[in-house]
Amino acid sequence: LVLALLTVAALTGGTFGALGRAVLGGLALAFVYRVLEFLNPAGMGF
């Protein structure tokens, strides 16, 4: 839902750089949280 709505915003506003950054930002933050969850599963849930 969020990705589709951001894609519409990129298509209508020409902000494709922001869309690419959004995807990379999601991957980056998920990766960081996955590492934290792996290192300390008691303090960070999946």
ModelCIF file with pLDDT and N, C-alpha, C, O atoms, coordinates in Angstrom:
data_MODEL
#
_entry.id   MODEL 
#
_entity.id                         1 
_entity.type                       polymer 
_entity.pdbx_number_of_molecules   1 
#
_entity_poly.entity_id                      1 
_entity_poly.type                           'polypeptide(L)' 
_entity_poly.nstd_linkage                   no 
_entity_poly.nstd_monomer                   no 
_entity_poly.pdbx_seq_one_letter_code       LVLALLTVAALTGGTFGALGRAVLGGLALAFVYRVLEFLNPAGMGF 
_entity_poly.pdbx_seq_one_letter_code_can   LVLALLTVAALTGGTFGALGRAVLGGLALAFVYRVLEFLNPAGMGF 
_entity_poly.pdbx_strand_id                 A 
#
loop_
_entity_poly_seq.entity_id 
_entity_poly_seq.num 
_entity_poly_seq.mon_id 
_entity_poly_seq.hetero 
1 1  LEU n 
1 2  VAL n 
1 3  LEU n 
1 4  ALA n 
1 5  LEU n 
1 6  LEU n 
1 7  THR n 
1 8  VAL n 
1 9  ALA n 
1 10 ALA n 
1 11 LEU n 
1 12 THR n 
1 13 GLY n 
1 14 GLY n 
1 15 THR n 
1 16 PHE n 
1 17 GLY n 
1 18 ALA n 
1 19 LEU n 
1 20 GLY n 
1 21 ARG n 
1 22 ALA n 
1 23 VAL n 
1 24 LEU n 
1 25 GLY n 
1 26 GLY n 
1 27 LEU n 
1 28 ALA n 
1 29 LEU n 
1 30 ALA n 
1 31 PHE n 
1 32 VAL n 
1 33 TYR n 
1 34 ARG n 
1 35 VAL n 
1 36 LEU n 
1 37 GLU n 
1 38 PHE n 
1 39 LEU n 
1 40 ASN n 
1 41 PRO n 
1 42 ALA n 
1 43 GLY n 
1 44 MET n 
1 45 GLY n 
1 46 PHE n 
#
_struct_asym.id          A 
_struct_asym.entity_id   1 
#
loop_
_ma_qa_metric.id 
_ma_qa_metric.mode 
_ma_qa_metric.name 
_ma_qa_metric.software_group_id 
_ma_qa_metric.type 
1 global pLDDT . pLDDT 
2 local  pLDDT . pLDDT 
#
_ma_qa_metric_global.metric_id      1 
_ma_qa_metric_global.metric_value   90.33 
_ma_qa_metric_global.model_id       1 
_ma_qa_metric_global.ordinal_id     1 
#
loop_
_ma_qa_metric_local.label_asym_id 
_ma_qa_metric_local.label_comp_id 
_ma_qa_metric_local.label_seq_id 
_ma_qa_metric_local.metric_id 
_ma_qa_metric_local.metric_value 
_ma_qa_metric_local.model_id 
_ma_qa_metric_local.ordinal_id 
A LEU 1  2 95.00 1 1  
A VAL 2  2 95.00 1 2  
A LEU 3  2 95.00 1 3  
A ALA 4  2 95.00 1 4  
A LEU 5  2 94.00 1 5  
A LEU 6  2 95.00 1 6  
A THR 7  2 94.00 1 7  
A VAL 8  2 93.00 1 8  
A ALA 9  2 92.00 1 9  
A ALA 10 2 92.00 1 10 
A LEU 11 2 91.00 1 11 
A THR 12 2 89.00 1 12 
A GLY 13 2 81.00 1 13 
A GLY 14 2 71.00 1 14 
A THR 15 2 81.00 1 15 
A PHE 16 2 85.00 1 16 
A GLY 17 2 88.00 1 17 
A ALA 18 2 91.00 1 18 
A LEU 19 2 93.00 1 19 
A GLY 20 2 94.00 1 20 
A ARG 21 2 94.00 1 21 
A ALA 22 2 95.00 1 22 
A VAL 23 2 95.00 1 23 
A LEU 24 2 96.00 1 24 
A GLY 25 2 96.00 1 25 
A GLY 26 2 96.00 1 26 
A LEU 27 2 96.00 1 27 
A ALA 28 2 96.00 1 28 
A LEU 29 2 96.00 1 29 
A ALA 30 2 95.00 1 30 
A PHE 31 2 95.00 1 31 
A VAL 32 2 94.00 1 32 
A TYR 33 2 94.00 1 33 
A ARG 34 2 94.00 1 34 
A VAL 35 2 93.00 1 35 
A LEU 36 2 91.00 1 36 
A GLU 37 2 89.00 1 37 
A PHE 38 2 89.00 1 38 
A LEU 39 2 88.00 1 39 
A ASN 40 2 83.00 1 40 
A PRO 41 2 80.00 1 41 
A ALA 42 2 75.00 1 42 
A GLY 43 2 76.00 1 43 
A MET 44 2 82.00 1 44 
A GLY 45 2 85.00 1 45 
A PHE 46 2 88.00 1 46 
#
loop_
_atom_site.group_PDB 
_atom_site.id 
_atom_site.type_symbol 
_atom_site.label_atom_id 
_atom_site.label_alt_id 
_atom_site.label_comp_id 
_atom_site.label_asym_id 
_atom_site.label_entity_id 
_atom_site.label_seq_id 
_atom_site.pdbx_PDB_ins_code 
_atom_site.Cartn_x 
_atom_site.Cartn_y 
_atom_site.Cartn_z 
_atom_site.occupancy 
_atom_site.B_iso_or_equiv 
_atom_site.pdbx_formal_charge 
_atom_site.auth_seq_id 
_atom_site.auth_comp_id 
_atom_site.auth_asym_id 
_atom_site.auth_atom_id 
_atom_site.pdbx_PDB_model_num 
ATOM 1   N N  . LEU A 1 1  ? 0.822  -1.207  0.000   1.00 95.00 ? 1  LEU A N  1 
ATOM 2   C CA . LEU A 1 1  ? 0.000  0.000   0.000   1.00 95.00 ? 1  LEU A CA 1 
ATOM 3   C C  . LEU A 1 1  ? 0.859  1.261   0.000   1.00 95.00 ? 1  LEU A C  1 
ATOM 4   O O  . LEU A 1 1  ? 0.670  2.156   -0.824  1.00 95.00 ? 1  LEU A O  1 
ATOM 5   N N  . VAL A 1 2  ? 1.809  1.319   0.939   1.00 95.00 ? 2  VAL A N  1 
ATOM 6   C CA . VAL A 1 2  ? 2.672  2.506   1.032   1.00 95.00 ? 2  VAL A CA 1 
ATOM 7   C C  . VAL A 1 2  ? 3.529  2.639   -0.222  1.00 95.00 ? 2  VAL A C  1 
ATOM 8   O O  . VAL A 1 2  ? 3.683  3.738   -0.755  1.00 95.00 ? 2  VAL A O  1 
ATOM 9   N N  . LEU A 1 3  ? 4.085  1.528   -0.696  1.00 95.00 ? 3  LEU A N  1 
ATOM 10  C CA . LEU A 1 3  ? 4.935  1.580   -1.884  1.00 95.00 ? 3  LEU A CA 1 
ATOM 11  C C  . LEU A 1 3  ? 4.135  2.021   -3.102  1.00 95.00 ? 3  LEU A C  1 
ATOM 12  O O  . LEU A 1 3  ? 4.622  2.818   -3.905  1.00 95.00 ? 3  LEU A O  1 
ATOM 13  N N  . ALA A 1 4  ? 2.916  1.515   -3.250  1.00 95.00 ? 4  ALA A N  1 
ATOM 14  C CA . ALA A 1 4  ? 2.085  1.908   -4.390  1.00 95.00 ? 4  ALA A CA 1 
ATOM 15  C C  . ALA A 1 4  ? 1.742  3.393   -4.338  1.00 95.00 ? 4  ALA A C  1 
ATOM 16  O O  . ALA A 1 4  ? 1.772  4.076   -5.362  1.00 95.00 ? 4  ALA A O  1 
ATOM 17  N N  . LEU A 1 5  ? 1.420  3.888   -3.161  1.00 94.00 ? 5  LEU A N  1 
ATOM 18  C CA . LEU A 1 5  ? 1.057  5.304   -3.029  1.00 94.00 ? 5  LEU A CA 1 
ATOM 19  C C  . LEU A 1 5  ? 2.274  6.208   -3.243  1.00 94.00 ? 5  LEU A C  1 
ATOM 20  O O  . LEU A 1 5  ? 2.148  7.292   -3.814  1.00 94.00 ? 5  LEU A O  1 
ATOM 21  N N  . LEU A 1 6  ? 3.435  5.773   -2.793  1.00 95.00 ? 6  LEU A N  1 
ATOM 22  C CA . LEU A 1 6  ? 4.650  6.551   -3.056  1.00 95.00 ? 6  LEU A CA 1 
ATOM 23  C C  . LEU A 1 6  ? 5.004  6.517   -4.541  1.00 95.00 ? 6  LEU A C  1 
ATOM 24  O O  . LEU A 1 6  ? 5.528  7.493   -5.078  1.00 95.00 ? 6  LEU A O  1 
ATOM 25  N N  . THR A 1 7  ? 4.724  5.408   -5.196  1.00 94.00 ? 7  THR A N  1 
ATOM 26  C CA . THR A 1 7  ? 4.971  5.309   -6.639  1.00 94.00 ? 7  THR A CA 1 
ATOM 27  C C  . THR A 1 7  ? 4.074  6.277   -7.391  1.00 94.00 ? 7  THR A C  1 
ATOM 28  O O  . THR A 1 7  ? 4.518  6.936   -8.330  1.00 94.00 ? 7  THR A O  1 
ATOM 29  N N  . VAL A 1 8  ? 2.809  6.366   -6.982  1.00 93.00 ? 8  VAL A N  1 
ATOM 30  C CA . VAL A 1 8  ? 1.890  7.337   -7.596  1.00 93.00 ? 8  VAL A CA 1 
ATOM 31  C C  . VAL A 1 8  ? 2.414  8.750   -7.388  1.00 93.00 ? 8  VAL A C  1 
ATOM 32  O O  . VAL A 1 8  ? 2.371  9.578   -8.299  1.00 93.00 ? 8  VAL A O  1 
ATOM 33  N N  . ALA A 1 9  ? 2.909  9.022   -6.185  1.00 92.00 ? 9  ALA A N  1 
ATOM 34  C CA . ALA A 1 9  ? 3.463  10.350  -5.905  1.00 92.00 ? 9  ALA A CA 1 
ATOM 35  C C  . ALA A 1 9  ? 4.676  10.632  -6.786  1.00 92.00 ? 9  ALA A C  1 
ATOM 36  O O  . ALA A 1 9  ? 4.860  11.755  -7.255  1.00 92.00 ? 9  ALA A O  1 
ATOM 37  N N  . ALA A 1 10 ? 5.506  9.608   -7.011  1.00 92.00 ? 10 ALA A N  1 
ATOM 38  C CA . ALA A 1 10 ? 6.685  9.782   -7.860  1.00 92.00 ? 10 ALA A CA 1 
ATOM 39  C C  . ALA A 1 10 ? 6.285  10.017  -9.314  1.00 92.00 ? 10 ALA A C  1 
ATOM 40  O O  . ALA A 1 10 ? 6.883  10.847  -10.000 1.00 92.00 ? 10 ALA A O  1 
ATOM 41  N N  . LEU A 1 11 ? 5.274  9.286   -9.781  1.00 91.00 ? 11 LEU A N  1 
ATOM 42  C CA . LEU A 1 11 ? 4.828  9.419   -11.167 1.00 91.00 ? 11 LEU A CA 1 
ATOM 43  C C  . LEU A 1 11 ? 4.196  10.782  -11.425 1.00 91.00 ? 11 LEU A C  1 
ATOM 44  O O  . LEU A 1 11 ? 4.357  11.346  -12.507 1.00 91.00 ? 11 LEU A O  1 
ATOM 45  N N  . THR A 1 12 ? 3.494  11.302  -10.460 1.00 89.00 ? 12 THR A N  1 
ATOM 46  C CA . THR A 1 12 ? 2.811  12.582  -10.648 1.00 89.00 ? 12 THR A CA 1 
ATOM 47  C C  . THR A 1 12 ? 3.698  13.771  -10.345 1.00 89.00 ? 12 THR A C  1 
ATOM 48  O O  . THR A 1 12 ? 3.474  14.871  -10.851 1.00 89.00 ? 12 THR A O  1 
ATOM 49  N N  . GLY A 1 13 ? 4.715  13.546  -9.508  1.00 81.00 ? 13 GLY A N  1 
ATOM 50  C CA . GLY A 1 13 ? 5.573  14.663  -9.124  1.00 81.00 ? 13 GLY A CA 1 
ATOM 51  C C  . GLY A 1 13 ? 6.979  14.595  -9.684  1.00 81.00 ? 13 GLY A C  1 
ATOM 52  O O  . GLY A 1 13 ? 7.776  15.511  -9.484  1.00 81.00 ? 13 GLY A O  1 
ATOM 53  N N  . GLY A 1 14 ? 7.289  13.503  -10.391 1.00 71.00 ? 14 GLY A N  1 
ATOM 54  C CA . GLY A 1 14 ? 8.624  13.365  -10.971 1.00 71.00 ? 14 GLY A CA 1 
ATOM 55  C C  . GLY A 1 14 ? 9.720  13.140  -9.951  1.00 71.00 ? 14 GLY A C  1 
ATOM 56  O O  . GLY A 1 14 ? 10.889 13.410  -10.225 1.00 71.00 ? 14 GLY A O  1 
ATOM 57  N N  . THR A 1 15 ? 9.355  12.645  -8.767  1.00 81.00 ? 15 THR A N  1 
ATOM 58  C CA . THR A 1 15 ? 10.341 12.460  -7.692  1.00 81.00 ? 15 THR A CA 1 
ATOM 59  C C  . THR A 1 15 ? 10.815 11.016  -7.647  1.00 81.00 ? 15 THR A C  1 
ATOM 60  O O  . THR A 1 15 ? 10.677 10.342  -6.627  1.00 81.00 ? 15 THR A O  1 
ATOM 61  N N  . PHE A 1 16 ? 11.376 10.541  -8.761  1.00 85.00 ? 16 PHE A N  1 
ATOM 62  C CA . PHE A 1 16 ? 11.809 9.142   -8.805  1.00 85.00 ? 16 PHE A CA 1 
ATOM 63  C C  . PHE A 1 16 ? 13.030 8.898   -7.925  1.00 85.00 ? 16 PHE A C  1 
ATOM 64  O O  . PHE A 1 16 ? 13.249 7.783   -7.454  1.00 85.00 ? 16 PHE A O  1 
ATOM 65  N N  . GLY A 1 17 ? 13.812 9.930   -7.709  1.00 88.00 ? 17 GLY A N  1 
ATOM 66  C CA . GLY A 1 17 ? 14.947 9.790   -6.796  1.00 88.00 ? 17 GLY A CA 1 
ATOM 67  C C  . GLY A 1 17 ? 14.467 9.507   -5.387  1.00 88.00 ? 17 GLY A C  1 
ATOM 68  O O  . GLY A 1 17 ? 15.066 8.700   -4.676  1.00 88.00 ? 17 GLY A O  1 
ATOM 69  N N  . ALA A 1 18 ? 13.390 10.166  -4.977  1.00 91.00 ? 18 ALA A N  1 
ATOM 70  C CA . ALA A 1 18 ? 12.821 9.937   -3.651  1.00 91.00 ? 18 ALA A CA 1 
ATOM 71  C C  . ALA A 1 18 ? 12.257 8.525   -3.544  1.00 91.00 ? 18 ALA A C  1 
ATOM 72  O O  . ALA A 1 18 ? 12.351 7.898   -2.489  1.00 91.00 ? 18 ALA A O  1 
ATOM 73  N N  . LEU A 1 19 ? 11.673 8.023   -4.624  1.00 93.00 ? 19 LEU A N  1 
ATOM 74  C CA . LEU A 1 19 ? 11.124 6.669   -4.605  1.00 93.00 ? 19 LEU A CA 1 
ATOM 75  C C  . LEU A 1 19 ? 12.232 5.632   -4.447  1.00 93.00 ? 19 LEU A C  1 
ATOM 76  O O  . LEU A 1 19 ? 12.106 4.690   -3.664  1.00 93.00 ? 19 LEU A O  1 
ATOM 77  N N  . GLY A 1 20 ? 13.304 5.811   -5.187  1.00 94.00 ? 20 GLY A N  1 
ATOM 78  C CA . GLY A 1 20 ? 14.440 4.899   -5.050  1.00 94.00 ? 20 GLY A CA 1 
ATOM 79  C C  . GLY A 1 20 ? 15.029 4.950   -3.654  1.00 94.00 ? 20 GLY A C  1 
ATOM 80  O O  . GLY A 1 20 ? 15.391 3.924   -3.079  1.00 94.00 ? 20 GLY A O  1 
ATOM 81  N N  . ARG A 1 21 ? 15.121 6.150   -3.121  1.00 94.00 ? 21 ARG A N  1 
ATOM 82  C CA . ARG A 1 21 ? 15.647 6.311   -1.759  1.00 94.00 ? 21 ARG A CA 1 
ATOM 83  C C  . ARG A 1 21 ? 14.726 5.663   -0.734  1.00 94.00 ? 21 ARG A C  1 
ATOM 84  O O  . ARG A 1 21 ? 15.185 5.123   0.272   1.00 94.00 ? 21 ARG A O  1 
ATOM 85  N N  . ALA A 1 22 ? 13.405 5.721   -1.000  1.00 95.00 ? 22 ALA A N  1 
ATOM 86  C CA . ALA A 1 22 ? 12.445 5.094   -0.082  1.00 95.00 ? 22 ALA A CA 1 
ATOM 87  C C  . ALA A 1 22 ? 12.653 3.583   -0.033  1.00 95.00 ? 22 ALA A C  1 
ATOM 88  O O  . ALA A 1 22 ? 12.652 2.981   1.041   1.00 95.00 ? 22 ALA A O  1 
ATOM 89  N N  . VAL A 1 23 ? 12.831 2.980   -1.198  1.00 95.00 ? 23 VAL A N  1 
ATOM 90  C CA . VAL A 1 23 ? 13.051 1.533   -1.248  1.00 95.00 ? 23 VAL A CA 1 
ATOM 91  C C  . VAL A 1 23 ? 14.355 1.160   -0.545  1.00 95.00 ? 23 VAL A C  1 
ATOM 92  O O  . VAL A 1 23 ? 14.396 0.219   0.247   1.00 95.00 ? 23 VAL A O  1 
ATOM 93  N N  . LEU A 1 24 ? 15.415 1.908   -0.842  1.00 96.00 ? 24 LEU A N  1 
ATOM 94  C CA . LEU A 1 24 ? 16.698 1.638   -0.190  1.00 96.00 ? 24 LEU A CA 1 
ATOM 95  C C  . LEU A 1 24 ? 16.622 1.883   1.312   1.00 96.00 ? 24 LEU A C  1 
ATOM 96  O O  . LEU A 1 24 ? 17.220 1.150   2.100   1.00 96.00 ? 24 LEU A O  1 
ATOM 97  N N  . GLY A 1 25 ? 15.884 2.920   1.702   1.00 96.00 ? 25 GLY A N  1 
ATOM 98  C CA . GLY A 1 25 ? 15.729 3.211   3.123   1.00 96.00 ? 25 GLY A CA 1 
ATOM 99  C C  . GLY A 1 25 ? 15.010 2.091   3.853   1.00 96.00 ? 25 GLY A C  1 
ATOM 100 O O  . GLY A 1 25 ? 15.383 1.728   4.968   1.00 96.00 ? 25 GLY A O  1 
ATOM 101 N N  . GLY A 1 26 ? 13.977 1.545   3.222   1.00 96.00 ? 26 GLY A N  1 
ATOM 102 C CA . GLY A 1 26 ? 13.264 0.425   3.821   1.00 96.00 ? 26 GLY A CA 1 
ATOM 103 C C  . GLY A 1 26 ? 14.149 -0.789  3.979   1.00 96.00 ? 26 GLY A C  1 
ATOM 104 O O  . GLY A 1 26 ? 14.133 -1.448  5.019   1.00 96.00 ? 26 GLY A O  1 
ATOM 105 N N  . LEU A 1 27 ? 14.928 -1.090  2.939   1.00 96.00 ? 27 LEU A N  1 
ATOM 106 C CA . LEU A 1 27 ? 15.842 -2.231  3.009   1.00 96.00 ? 27 LEU A CA 1 
ATOM 107 C C  . LEU A 1 27 ? 16.922 -2.018  4.058   1.00 96.00 ? 27 LEU A C  1 
ATOM 108 O O  . LEU A 1 27 ? 17.265 -2.936  4.803   1.00 96.00 ? 27 LEU A O  1 
ATOM 109 N N  . ALA A 1 28 ? 17.457 -0.801  4.114   1.00 96.00 ? 28 ALA A N  1 
ATOM 110 C CA . ALA A 1 28 ? 18.537 -0.511  5.058   1.00 96.00 ? 28 ALA A CA 1 
ATOM 111 C C  . ALA A 1 28 ? 18.066 -0.623  6.503   1.00 96.00 ? 28 ALA A C  1 
ATOM 112 O O  . ALA A 1 28 ? 18.738 -1.235  7.334   1.00 96.00 ? 28 ALA A O  1 
ATOM 113 N N  . LEU A 1 29 ? 16.909 -0.032  6.803   1.00 96.00 ? 29 LEU A N  1 
ATOM 114 C CA . LEU A 1 29 ? 16.436 -0.068  8.189   1.00 96.00 ? 29 LEU A CA 1 
ATOM 115 C C  . LEU A 1 29 ? 16.031 -1.488  8.586   1.00 96.00 ? 29 LEU A C  1 
ATOM 116 O O  . LEU A 1 29 ? 16.271 -1.909  9.718   1.00 96.00 ? 29 LEU A O  1 
ATOM 117 N N  . ALA A 1 30 ? 15.424 -2.219  7.667   1.00 95.00 ? 30 ALA A N  1 
ATOM 118 C CA . ALA A 1 30 ? 15.059 -3.605  7.965   1.00 95.00 ? 30 ALA A CA 1 
ATOM 119 C C  . ALA A 1 30 ? 16.305 -4.445  8.221   1.00 95.00 ? 30 ALA A C  1 
ATOM 120 O O  . ALA A 1 30 ? 16.304 -5.312  9.094   1.00 95.00 ? 30 ALA A O  1 
ATOM 121 N N  . PHE A 1 31 ? 17.362 -4.190  7.464   1.00 95.00 ? 31 PHE A N  1 
ATOM 122 C CA . PHE A 1 31 ? 18.614 -4.928  7.657   1.00 95.00 ? 31 PHE A CA 1 
ATOM 123 C C  . PHE A 1 31 ? 19.202 -4.646  9.040   1.00 95.00 ? 31 PHE A C  1 
ATOM 124 O O  . PHE A 1 31 ? 19.633 -5.563  9.739   1.00 95.00 ? 31 PHE A O  1 
ATOM 125 N N  . VAL A 1 32 ? 19.215 -3.369  9.427   1.00 94.00 ? 32 VAL A N  1 
ATOM 126 C CA . VAL A 1 32 ? 19.745 -2.994  10.743  1.00 94.00 ? 32 VAL A CA 1 
ATOM 127 C C  . VAL A 1 32 ? 18.947 -3.662  11.857  1.00 94.00 ? 32 VAL A C  1 
ATOM 128 O O  . VAL A 1 32 ? 19.517 -4.204  12.804  1.00 94.00 ? 32 VAL A O  1 
ATOM 129 N N  . TYR A 1 33 ? 17.635 -3.618  11.736  1.00 94.00 ? 33 TYR A N  1 
ATOM 130 C CA . TYR A 1 33 ? 16.788 -4.232  12.765  1.00 94.00 ? 33 TYR A CA 1 
ATOM 131 C C  . TYR A 1 33 ? 16.948 -5.754  12.784  1.00 94.00 ? 33 TYR A C  1 
ATOM 132 O O  . TYR A 1 33 ? 16.891 -6.376  13.845  1.00 94.00 ? 33 TYR A O  1 
ATOM 133 N N  . ARG A 1 34 ? 17.145 -6.340  11.620  1.00 94.00 ? 34 ARG A N  1 
ATOM 134 C CA . ARG A 1 34 ? 17.353 -7.804  11.573  1.00 94.00 ? 34 ARG A CA 1 
ATOM 135 C C  . ARG A 1 34 ? 18.642 -8.175  12.284  1.00 94.00 ? 34 ARG A C  1 
ATOM 136 O O  . ARG A 1 34 ? 18.691 -9.173  13.002  1.00 94.00 ? 34 ARG A O  1 
ATOM 137 N N  . VAL A 1 35 ? 19.674 -7.389  12.093  1.00 93.00 ? 35 VAL A N  1 
ATOM 138 C CA . VAL A 1 35 ? 20.943 -7.643  12.783  1.00 93.00 ? 35 VAL A CA 1 
ATOM 139 C C  . VAL A 1 35 ? 20.762 -7.502  14.295  1.00 93.00 ? 35 VAL A C  1 
ATOM 140 O O  . VAL A 1 35 ? 21.255 -8.325  15.066  1.00 93.00 ? 35 VAL A O  1 
ATOM 141 N N  . LEU A 1 36 ? 20.056 -6.457  14.708  1.00 91.00 ? 36 LEU A N  1 
ATOM 142 C CA . LEU A 1 36 ? 19.816 -6.246  16.140  1.00 91.00 ? 36 LEU A CA 1 
ATOM 143 C C  . LEU A 1 36 ? 18.984 -7.380  16.724  1.00 91.00 ? 36 LEU A C  1 
ATOM 144 O O  . LEU A 1 36 ? 19.237 -7.828  17.843  1.00 91.00 ? 36 LEU A O  1 
ATOM 145 N N  . GLU A 1 37 ? 17.999 -7.842  15.974  1.00 89.00 ? 37 GLU A N  1 
ATOM 146 C CA . GLU A 1 37 ? 17.161 -8.942  16.448  1.00 89.00 ? 37 GLU A CA 1 
ATOM 147 C C  . GLU A 1 37 ? 17.970 -10.229 16.549  1.00 89.00 ? 37 GLU A C  1 
ATOM 148 O O  . GLU A 1 37 ? 17.765 -11.029 17.461  1.00 89.00 ? 37 GLU A O  1 
ATOM 149 N N  . PHE A 1 38 ? 18.885 -10.423 15.614  1.00 89.00 ? 38 PHE A N  1 
ATOM 150 C CA . PHE A 1 38 ? 19.744 -11.616 15.633  1.00 89.00 ? 38 PHE A CA 1 
ATOM 151 C C  . PHE A 1 38 ? 20.701 -11.585 16.823  1.00 89.00 ? 38 PHE A C  1 
ATOM 152 O O  . PHE A 1 38 ? 20.933 -12.606 17.470  1.00 89.00 ? 38 PHE A O  1 
ATOM 153 N N  . LEU A 1 39 ? 21.250 -10.410 17.103  1.00 88.00 ? 39 LEU A N  1 
ATOM 154 C CA . LEU A 1 39 ? 22.208 -10.278 18.199  1.00 88.00 ? 39 LEU A CA 1 
ATOM 155 C C  . LEU A 1 39 ? 21.530 -10.310 19.569  1.00 88.00 ? 39 LEU A C  1 
ATOM 156 O O  . LEU A 1 39 ? 22.106 -10.803 20.539  1.00 88.00 ? 39 LEU A O  1 
ATOM 157 N N  . ASN A 1 40 ? 20.301 -9.782  19.644  1.00 83.00 ? 40 ASN A N  1 
ATOM 158 C CA . ASN A 1 40 ? 19.612 -9.704  20.925  1.00 83.00 ? 40 ASN A CA 1 
ATOM 159 C C  . ASN A 1 40 ? 18.128 -10.002 20.735  1.00 83.00 ? 40 ASN A C  1 
ATOM 160 O O  . ASN A 1 40 ? 17.305 -9.089  20.792  1.00 83.00 ? 40 ASN A O  1 
ATOM 161 N N  . PRO A 1 41 ? 17.774 -11.272 20.509  1.00 80.00 ? 41 PRO A N  1 
ATOM 162 C CA . PRO A 1 41 ? 16.372 -11.611 20.256  1.00 80.00 ? 41 PRO A CA 1 
ATOM 163 C C  . PRO A 1 41 ? 15.454 -11.319 21.436  1.00 80.00 ? 41 PRO A C  1 
ATOM 164 O O  . PRO A 1 41 ? 14.245 -11.173 21.258  1.00 80.00 ? 41 PRO A O  1 
ATOM 165 N N  . ALA A 1 42 ? 16.016 -11.233 22.639  1.00 75.00 ? 42 ALA A N  1 
ATOM 166 C CA . ALA A 1 42 ? 15.193 -10.929 23.804  1.00 75.00 ? 42 ALA A CA 1 
ATOM 167 C C  . ALA A 1 42 ? 14.785 -9.456  23.841  1.00 75.00 ? 42 ALA A C  1 
ATOM 168 O O  . ALA A 1 42 ? 13.780 -9.101  24.457  1.00 75.00 ? 42 ALA A O  1 
ATOM 169 N N  . GLY A 1 43 ? 15.557 -8.615  23.188  1.00 76.00 ? 43 GLY A N  1 
ATOM 170 C CA . GLY A 1 43 ? 15.279 -7.187  23.225  1.00 76.00 ? 43 GLY A CA 1 
ATOM 171 C C  . GLY A 1 43 ? 14.627 -6.643  21.968  1.00 76.00 ? 43 GLY A C  1 
ATOM 172 O O  . GLY A 1 43 ? 14.156 -5.506  21.952  1.00 76.00 ? 43 GLY A O  1 
ATOM 173 N N  . MET A 1 44 ? 14.597 -7.452  20.910  1.00 82.00 ? 44 MET A N  1 
ATOM 174 C CA . MET A 1 44 ? 14.036 -7.000  19.642  1.00 82.00 ? 44 MET A CA 1 
ATOM 175 C C  . MET A 1 44 ? 13.274 -8.147  19.011  1.00 82.00 ? 44 MET A C  1 
ATOM 176 O O  . MET A 1 44 ? 13.848 -9.208  18.764  1.00 82.00 ? 44 MET A O  1 
ATOM 177 N N  . GLY A 1 45 ? 11.996 -7.955  18.748  1.00 85.00 ? 45 GLY A N  1 
ATOM 178 C CA . GLY A 1 45 ? 11.187 -9.009  18.163  1.00 85.00 ? 45 GLY A CA 1 
ATOM 179 C C  . GLY A 1 45 ? 11.198 -8.963  16.646  1.00 85.00 ? 45 GLY A C  1 
ATOM 180 O O  . GLY A 1 45 ? 11.542 -7.945  16.045  1.00 85.00 ? 45 GLY A O  1 
ATOM 181 N N  . PHE A 1 46 ? 10.814 -10.086 16.028  1.00 88.00 ? 46 PHE A N  1 
ATOM 182 C CA . PHE A 1 46 ? 10.790 -10.129 14.571  1.00 88.00 ? 46 PHE A CA 1 
ATOM 183 C C  . PHE A 1 46 ? 9.674  -9.253  14.015  1.00 88.00 ? 46 PHE A C  1 
ATOM 184 O O  . PHE A 1 46 ? 9.504  -9.168  12.799  1.00 88.00 ? 46 PHE A O  1 
#
